[in-house]
C-alpha atoms as a PDB file:
ATOM      1  CA  MET A   1     -17.727 -17.070  18.110  1.00  0.00           C
ATOM      2  CA  LYS A   2     -15.412 -14.920  20.314  1.00  0.00           C
ATOM      3  CA  LYS A   3     -12.588 -17.065  19.944  1.00  0.00           C
ATOM      4  CA  GLU A   4     -12.892 -17.191  16.069  1.00  0.00           C
ATOM      5  CA  MET A   5     -12.901 -13.392  16.177  1.00  0.00           C
ATOM      6  CA  GLU A   6     -10.065 -13.188  18.224  1.00  0.00           C
ATOM      7  CA  ILE A   7      -8.075 -14.959  15.607  1.00  0.00           C
ATOM      8  CA  TYR A   8      -8.492 -12.371  12.934  1.00  0.00           C
ATOM      9  CA  LEU A   9      -7.641  -9.176  15.273  1.00  0.00           C
ATOM     10  CA  ASP A  10      -4.322  -7.646  15.476  1.00  0.00           C
ATOM     11  CA  GLU A  11      -3.048  -7.400  19.073  1.00  0.00           C
ATOM     12  CA  LEU A  12      -1.494  -4.374  18.786  1.00  0.00           C
ATOM     13  CA  THR A  13      -3.983  -2.092  17.141  1.00  0.00           C
ATOM     14  CA  GLY A  14      -7.314  -3.808  17.432  1.00  0.00           C
ATOM     15  CA  LEU A  15      -7.805  -3.858  13.417  1.00  0.00           C
ATOM     16  CA  LYS A  16      -8.401  -7.100  11.546  1.00  0.00           C
ATOM     17  CA  ASN A  17      -5.095  -8.802  10.573  1.00  0.00           C
ATOM     18  CA  ARG A  18      -3.529 -10.335   7.426  1.00  0.00           C
ATOM     19  CA  ARG A  19      -5.301 -13.771   8.191  1.00  0.00           C
ATOM     20  CA  PHE A  20      -8.806 -11.936   8.195  1.00  0.00           C
ATOM     21  CA  LEU A  21      -7.490 -10.413   4.608  1.00  0.00           C
ATOM     22  CA  PHE A  22      -6.649 -13.798   2.886  1.00  0.00           C
ATOM     23  CA  GLU A  23      -9.227 -15.869   4.510  1.00  0.00           C
ATOM     24  CA  LYS A  24     -12.297 -13.394   4.430  1.00  0.00           C
ATOM     25  CA  GLY A  25     -11.269 -10.770   1.696  1.00  0.00           C
ATOM     26  CA  ASN A  26     -12.494 -12.307  -1.265  1.00  0.00           C
ATOM     27  CA  GLU A  27     -15.922 -13.108   0.416  1.00  0.00           C
ATOM     28  CA  ILE A  28     -16.303  -9.399   1.339  1.00  0.00           C
ATOM     29  CA  LEU A  29     -15.572  -8.516  -2.395  1.00  0.00           C
ATOM     30  CA  LYS A  30     -18.208 -10.861  -3.821  1.00  0.00           C
ATOM     31  CA  ASN A  31     -20.974  -9.797  -1.319  1.00  0.00           C
ATOM     32  CA  TRP A  32     -20.389  -5.907  -1.960  1.00  0.00           C
ATOM     33  CA  GLY A  33     -19.767  -6.304  -5.598  1.00  0.00           C
ATOM     34  CA  LYS A  34     -18.017  -2.912  -5.809  1.00  0.00           C
ATOM     35  CA  GLY A  35     -15.797  -0.769  -4.020  1.00  0.00           C
ATOM     36  CA  SER A  36     -12.094   0.019  -3.634  1.00  0.00           C
ATOM     37  CA  PHE A  37      -9.128  -1.618  -2.232  1.00  0.00           C
ATOM     38  CA  ILE A  38      -6.570   0.622  -0.535  1.00  0.00           C
ATOM     39  CA  ILE A  39      -2.963   0.101   0.667  1.00  0.00           C
ATOM     40  CA  PHE A  40      -1.230   2.502   2.892  1.00  0.00           C
ATOM     41  CA  ASP A  41       2.324   2.316   4.454  1.00  0.00           C
ATOM     42  CA  LEU A  42       4.305   4.855   6.565  1.00  0.00           C
ATOM     43  CA  ASP A  43       6.990   6.689   4.880  1.00  0.00           C
ATOM     44  CA  ASP A  44      10.368   6.228   6.652  1.00  0.00           C
ATOM     45  CA  PHE A  45       8.650   4.540   9.720  1.00  0.00           C
ATOM     46  CA  LYS A  46      12.160   2.768  10.120  1.00  0.00           C
ATOM     47  CA  GLN A  47      13.692   6.017  11.298  1.00  0.00           C
ATOM     48  CA  ILE A  48      11.047   6.635  14.060  1.00  0.00           C
ATOM     49  CA  ASN A  49      12.030   2.937  15.228  1.00  0.00           C
ATOM     50  CA  ASP A  50      15.587   3.577  15.276  1.00  0.00           C
ATOM     51  CA  LYS A  51      15.526   7.003  16.467  1.00  0.00           C
ATOM     52  CA  PHE A  52      12.978   6.769  19.260  1.00  0.00           C
ATOM     53  CA  GLY A  53      12.733   3.079  19.728  1.00  0.00           C
ATOM     54  CA  HIS A  54      10.453   0.051  18.872  1.00  0.00           C
ATOM     55  CA  LEU A  55       7.973   0.929  21.991  1.00  0.00           C
ATOM     56  CA  ALA A  56       7.605   4.251  20.366  1.00  0.00           C
ATOM     57  CA  GLY A  57       7.078   2.764  16.934  1.00  0.00           C
ATOM     58  CA  ASP A  58       4.420   0.816  18.401  1.00  0.00           C
ATOM     59  CA  GLU A  59       2.540   3.896  20.143  1.00  0.00           C
ATOM     60  CA  VAL A  60       2.605   5.530  16.453  1.00  0.00           C
ATOM     61  CA  LEU A  61       1.072   2.366  14.762  1.00  0.00           C
ATOM     62  CA  LYS A  62      -1.768   2.471  17.573  1.00  0.00           C
ATOM     63  CA  GLY A  63      -2.259   6.106  16.746  1.00  0.00           C
ATOM     64  CA  VAL A  64      -2.386   5.459  12.941  1.00  0.00           C
ATOM     65  CA  ALA A  65      -5.139   2.853  13.397  1.00  0.00           C
ATOM     66  CA  LYS A  66      -7.390   5.336  15.345  1.00  0.00           C
ATOM     67  CA  CYS A  67      -6.602   8.031  12.752  1.00  0.00           C
ATOM     68  CA  LEU A  68      -7.693   5.183  10.114  1.00  0.00           C
ATOM     69  CA  TYR A  69     -10.936   4.847  12.004  1.00  0.00           C
ATOM     70  CA  ALA A  70     -11.579   8.644  11.968  1.00  0.00           C
ATOM     71  CA  ALA A  71     -10.784   8.865   8.218  1.00  0.00           C
ATOM     72  CA  PHE A  72     -13.192   6.355   7.158  1.00  0.00           C
ATOM     73  CA  GLU A  73     -15.972   7.084   9.667  1.00  0.00           C
ATOM     74  CA  GLY A  74     -19.257   6.383   8.321  1.00  0.00           C
ATOM     75  CA  GLU A  75     -18.031   4.015   5.708  1.00  0.00           C
ATOM     76  CA  GLU A  76     -18.782   0.497   5.250  1.00  0.00           C
ATOM     77  CA  LYS A  77     -15.302  -0.912   5.518  1.00  0.00           C
ATOM     78  CA  GLU A  78     -12.870  -3.120   6.762  1.00  0.00           C
ATOM     79  CA  LEU A  79      -9.556  -1.724   8.307  1.00  0.00           C
ATOM     80  CA  ILE A  80      -6.664  -4.185   8.252  1.00  0.00           C
ATOM     81  CA  ARG A  81      -3.095  -3.921   9.764  1.00  0.00           C
ATOM     82  CA  TYR A  82      -1.394  -6.155   6.953  1.00  0.00           C
ATOM     83  CA  ALA A  83       2.113  -6.165   8.233  1.00  0.00           C
ATOM     84  CA  GLY A  84       4.586  -3.703   9.987  1.00  0.00           C
ATOM     85  CA  ASP A  85       3.369  -0.238   9.017  1.00  0.00           C
ATOM     86  CA  GLU A  86       1.468  -1.226   6.105  1.00  0.00           C
ATOM     87  CA  PHE A  87      -2.706  -1.255   6.349  1.00  0.00           C
ATOM     88  CA  VAL A  88      -5.128  -2.337   3.858  1.00  0.00           C
ATOM     89  CA  VAL A  89      -8.817  -0.588   3.685  1.00  0.00           C
ATOM     90  CA  ILE A  90     -11.566  -2.266   1.708  1.00  0.00           C
ATOM     91  CA  THR A  91     -14.466   0.002   1.361  1.00  0.00           C
ATOM     92  CA  ARG A  92     -17.516  -0.074  -0.434  1.00  0.00           C
ATOM     93  CA  GLU A  93     -16.926   3.716  -1.492  1.00  0.00           C
ATOM     94  CA  PHE A  94     -15.798   3.980  -5.167  1.00  0.00           C
ATOM     95  CA  ASN A  95     -16.274   7.619  -6.119  1.00  0.00           C
ATOM     96  CA  ARG A  96     -12.694   8.959  -6.841  1.00  0.00           C
ATOM     97  CA  ASP A  97     -13.674  12.633  -5.171  1.00  0.00           C
ATOM     98  CA  ILE A  98     -14.623  11.065  -1.882  1.00  0.00           C
ATOM     99  CA  LEU A  99     -11.847   8.496  -1.770  1.00  0.00           C
ATOM    100  CA  VAL A 100      -9.268  11.305  -2.562  1.00  0.00           C
ATOM    101  CA  GLU A 101     -11.047  13.464   0.247  1.00  0.00           C
ATOM    102  CA  LYS A 102     -10.816  10.498   2.479  1.00  0.00           C
ATOM    103  CA  SER A 103      -7.047   9.818   2.022  1.00  0.00           C
ATOM    104  CA  HIS A 104      -6.157  13.573   2.557  1.00  0.00           C
ATOM    105  CA  LYS A 105      -8.208  13.543   5.686  1.00  0.00           C
ATOM    106  CA  LEU A 106      -6.110  10.329   6.738  1.00  0.00           C
ATOM    107  CA  PHE A 107      -2.831  11.927   5.836  1.00  0.00           C
ATOM    108  CA  SER A 108      -3.781  15.108   7.815  1.00  0.00           C
ATOM    109  CA  LEU A 109      -4.761  13.171  10.713  1.00  0.00           C
ATOM    110  CA  ILE A 110      -1.601  10.963  11.180  1.00  0.00           C
ATOM    111  CA  LYS A 111       0.305  14.147  10.584  1.00  0.00           C
ATOM    112  CA  THR A 112      -1.194  16.085  13.516  1.00  0.00           C
ATOM    113  CA  PHE A 113      -2.253  13.199  15.842  1.00  0.00           C
ATOM    114  CA  ILE A 114      -0.563  13.514  19.314  1.00  0.00           C
ATOM    115  CA  TYR A 115       0.988  10.068  19.783  1.00  0.00           C
ATOM    116  CA  LYS A 116       1.246   8.599  23.244  1.00  0.00           C
ATOM    117  CA  ILE A 117       5.056   8.232  23.165  1.00  0.00           C
ATOM    118  CA  PRO A 118       7.579   9.209  25.796  1.00  0.00           C
ATOM    119  CA  VAL A 119       9.540  11.372  23.840  1.00  0.00           C
ATOM    120  CA  ASN A 120       8.919  14.567  21.390  1.00  0.00           C
ATOM    121  CA  LEU A 121       9.074  13.447  17.891  1.00  0.00           C
ATOM    122  CA  GLY A 122      10.461  16.857  17.197  1.00  0.00           C
ATOM    123  CA  GLU A 123      10.712  17.829  13.482  1.00  0.00           C
ATOM    124  CA  THR A 124      10.039  13.945  12.502  1.00  0.00           C
ATOM    125  CA  GLU A 125       6.523  13.735  10.840  1.00  0.00           C
ATOM    126  CA  VAL A 126       4.514  10.785  10.589  1.00  0.00           C
ATOM    127  CA  ARG A 127       3.574  10.505   7.032  1.00  0.00           C
ATOM    128  CA  ALA A 128       2.356   7.730   4.468  1.00  0.00           C
ATOM    129  CA  THR A 129       1.727   6.942   0.995  1.00  0.00           C
ATOM    130  CA  LEU A 130      -1.310   5.297  -0.531  1.00  0.00           C
ATOM    131  CA  GLY A 131      -2.150   3.081  -3.630  1.00  0.00           C
ATOM    132  CA  ILE A 132      -5.795   2.657  -4.598  1.00  0.00           C
ATOM    133  CA  THR A 133      -7.563  -0.090  -7.030  1.00  0.00           C
ATOM    134  CA  ILE A 134     -11.012  -0.299  -7.650  1.00  0.00           C
ATOM    135  CA  PHE A 135     -12.924  -3.540  -7.546  1.00  0.00           C
ATOM    136  CA  PRO A 136     -14.342  -5.557  -9.674  1.00  0.00           C
ATOM    137  CA  ASN A 137     -12.894  -3.293 -12.564  1.00  0.00           C
ATOM    138  CA  GLU A 138      -8.990  -3.706 -11.707  1.00  0.00           C
ATOM    139  CA  GLY A 139      -9.446  -7.163 -10.019  1.00  0.00           C
ATOM    140  CA  GLU A 140     -11.914  -9.566  -8.691  1.00  0.00           C
ATOM    141  CA  ASN A 141      -9.870 -11.234  -5.800  1.00  0.00           C
ATOM    142  CA  VAL A 142      -7.582 -10.010  -2.951  1.00  0.00           C
ATOM    143  CA  HIS A 143      -4.234 -11.123  -4.743  1.00  0.00           C
ATOM    144  CA  GLU A 144      -4.903  -9.196  -7.803  1.00  0.00           C
ATOM    145  CA  LEU A 145      -6.204  -5.968  -6.161  1.00  0.00           C
ATOM    146  CA  PHE A 146      -3.365  -6.315  -3.583  1.00  0.00           C
ATOM    147  CA  GLU A 147      -0.745  -6.359  -6.137  1.00  0.00           C
ATOM    148  CA  LYS A 148      -1.965  -3.498  -8.252  1.00  0.00           C
ATOM    149  CA  ALA A 149      -2.639  -1.342  -5.149  1.00  0.00           C
ATOM    150  CA  ASP A 150       0.701  -2.024  -4.002  1.00  0.00           C
ATOM    151  CA  SER A 151       2.197  -1.254  -7.356  1.00  0.00           C
ATOM    152  CA  ALA A 152       0.428   2.034  -7.159  1.00  0.00           C
ATOM    153  CA  LEU A 153       1.804   2.706  -3.657  1.00  0.00           C
ATOM    154  CA  TYR A 154       5.497   2.002  -4.647  1.00  0.00           C
ATOM    155  CA  PHE A 155       4.949   4.179  -7.840  1.00  0.00           C
ATOM    156  CA  GLY A 156       4.197   7.046  -5.468  1.00  0.00           C
ATOM    157  CA  LYS A 157       6.978   6.296  -3.240  1.00  0.00           C
ATOM    158  CA  ARG A 158       9.351   6.560  -6.193  1.00  0.00           C
ATOM    159  CA  ARG A 159       7.887   9.979  -7.125  1.00  0.00           C
ATOM    160  CA  GLY A 160       8.363  11.498  -3.872  1.00  0.00           C
ATOM    161  CA  LYS A 161       6.149   9.795  -1.266  1.00  0.00           C
ATOM    162  CA  SER A 162       3.585  11.502   0.946  1.00  0.00           C
ATOM    163  CA  GLN A 163       1.037  10.954  -1.749  1.00  0.00           C
ATOM    164  CA  LEU A 164      -1.927   8.816  -2.897  1.00  0.00           C
ATOM    165  CA  ARG A 165      -2.065   7.159  -6.597  1.00  0.00           C
ATOM    166  CA  PHE A 166      -4.731   5.621  -8.256  1.00  0.00           C
ATOM    167  CA  TYR A 167      -3.807   2.442 -10.091  1.00  0.00           C
ATOM    168  CA  SER A 168      -5.714   3.139 -13.059  1.00  0.00           C
ATOM    169  CA  GLU A 169      -3.752   6.704 -13.512  1.00  0.00           C
ATOM    170  CA  VAL A 170      -0.260   5.189 -13.389  1.00  0.00           C
ATOM    171  CA  GLU A 171      -1.032   1.645 -14.962  1.00  0.00           C
ATOM    172  CA  ASP A 172       0.886   2.482 -18.090  1.00  0.00           C
ATOM    173  CA  GLU A 173       3.748   4.159 -16.384  1.00  0.00           C
ATOM    174  CA  ILE A 174       4.205   1.141 -14.206  1.00  0.00           C
ATOM    175  CA  LYS A 175       4.118  -1.099 -16.999  1.00  0.00           C
ATOM    176  CA  LYS A 176       6.715   0.977 -18.880  1.00  0.00           C
ATOM    177  CA  GLU A 177       8.842   0.866 -15.679  1.00  0.00           C
ATOM    178  CA  LYS A 178       8.398  -2.909 -15.417  1.00  0.00           C
ATOM    179  CA  PHE A 179       9.222  -3.358 -18.869  1.00  0.00           C
ATOM    180  CA  LEU A 180      12.776  -1.267 -18.675  1.00  0.00           C
ATOM    181  CA  GLU A 181      13.645  -3.052 -15.586  1.00  0.00           C
ATOM    182  CA  GLU A 182      13.171  -6.457 -17.341  1.00  0.00           C
ATOM    183  CA  ARG A 183      15.326  -5.328 -20.201  1.00  0.00           C
ATOM    184  CA  ASN A 184      18.061  -4.803 -17.660  1.00  0.00           C
ATOM    185  CA  THR A 185      18.175  -8.104 -16.086  1.00  0.00           C
ATOM    186  CA  PRO A 186      21.352 -10.073 -16.365  1.00  0.00           C
ATOM    187  CA  ASP A 187      19.658 -12.549 -18.847  1.00  0.00           C
ATOM    188  CA  GLU A 188      18.348  -9.568 -20.808  1.00  0.00           C
ATOM    189  CA  ILE A 189      21.669  -7.834 -20.969  1.00  0.00           C
ATOM    190  CA  ILE A 190      23.433 -11.125 -22.022  1.00  0.00           C
ATOM    191  CA  GLY A 191      20.942 -11.684 -24.801  1.00  0.00           C
ATOM    192  CA  ARG A 192      21.561  -8.087 -26.039  1.00  0.00           C
ATOM    193  CA  GLU A 193      25.341  -8.575 -26.016  1.00  0.00           C
ATOM    194  CA  ARG A 194      24.864 -11.924 -27.877  1.00  0.00           C
ATOM    195  CA  ARG A 195      22.686 -10.361 -30.739  1.00  0.00           C
ATOM    196  CA  ASN A 196      25.052  -7.406 -30.941  1.00  0.00           C
ATOM    197  CA  PHE A 197      27.992  -9.837 -31.422  1.00  0.00           C
ATOM    198  CA  LEU A 198      25.903 -11.717 -33.989  1.00  0.00           C
ATOM    199  CA  LYS A 199      25.203  -8.449 -35.888  1.00  0.00           C
ATOM    200  CA  ARG A 200      28.740  -7.520 -35.886  1.00  0.00           C
ATOM    201  CA  GLU A 201      29.972 -10.703 -37.285  1.00  0.00           C
ATOM    202  CA  ILE A 202      27.496 -10.796 -40.086  1.00  0.00           C
ATOM    203  CA  ARG A 203      28.637  -7.122 -40.939  1.00  0.00           C
ATOM    204  CA  ARG A 204      32.061  -8.310 -40.943  1.00  0.00           C
ATOM    205  CA  MET A 205      31.365 -11.320 -43.402  1.00  0.00           C
ATOM    206  CA  LYS A 206      29.738  -9.311 -45.772  1.00  0.00           C
END
């Protein structure tokens, strides 16, 4: 049993790991019935690694894990380090106001936490952006929820970082952005050029 638990733990932070998310996540969603699926990652974390070194970056990640425990204290939840500086929270809480409160508490904690690193971060602040989906309304499995929460997170990144976004509130804008991006792929551009050429030829022949 101990060995089984160890394979689901992230060695650096002590949180659950990516393997746990994909092997146990759907079971949790089914058992809980309703709740929220949250993804957040640190803004410009690469700058911390580049400026202060990877050992300092690791200490920041350890500190963020502690902040995560504190922010969601008292909640029934699973805290997961997905990869690098990206984390996932699955919680039975789905009340929007409470989720906003918890998220802002997390932002405040990671910004003010005293990280155990041998250098002073100076003016470099640890900040994060966060995306939230609600299950089962917006997805019934880990892959669906992850994709939508991740889309909300990166929507927030494009809008200035250091913020939280609910997928339900930005879904239409995300779809619009995706549509515009797809219209500008090489195939779409070539297709438009061909259609415009045919229109010009038709006009010329009239």
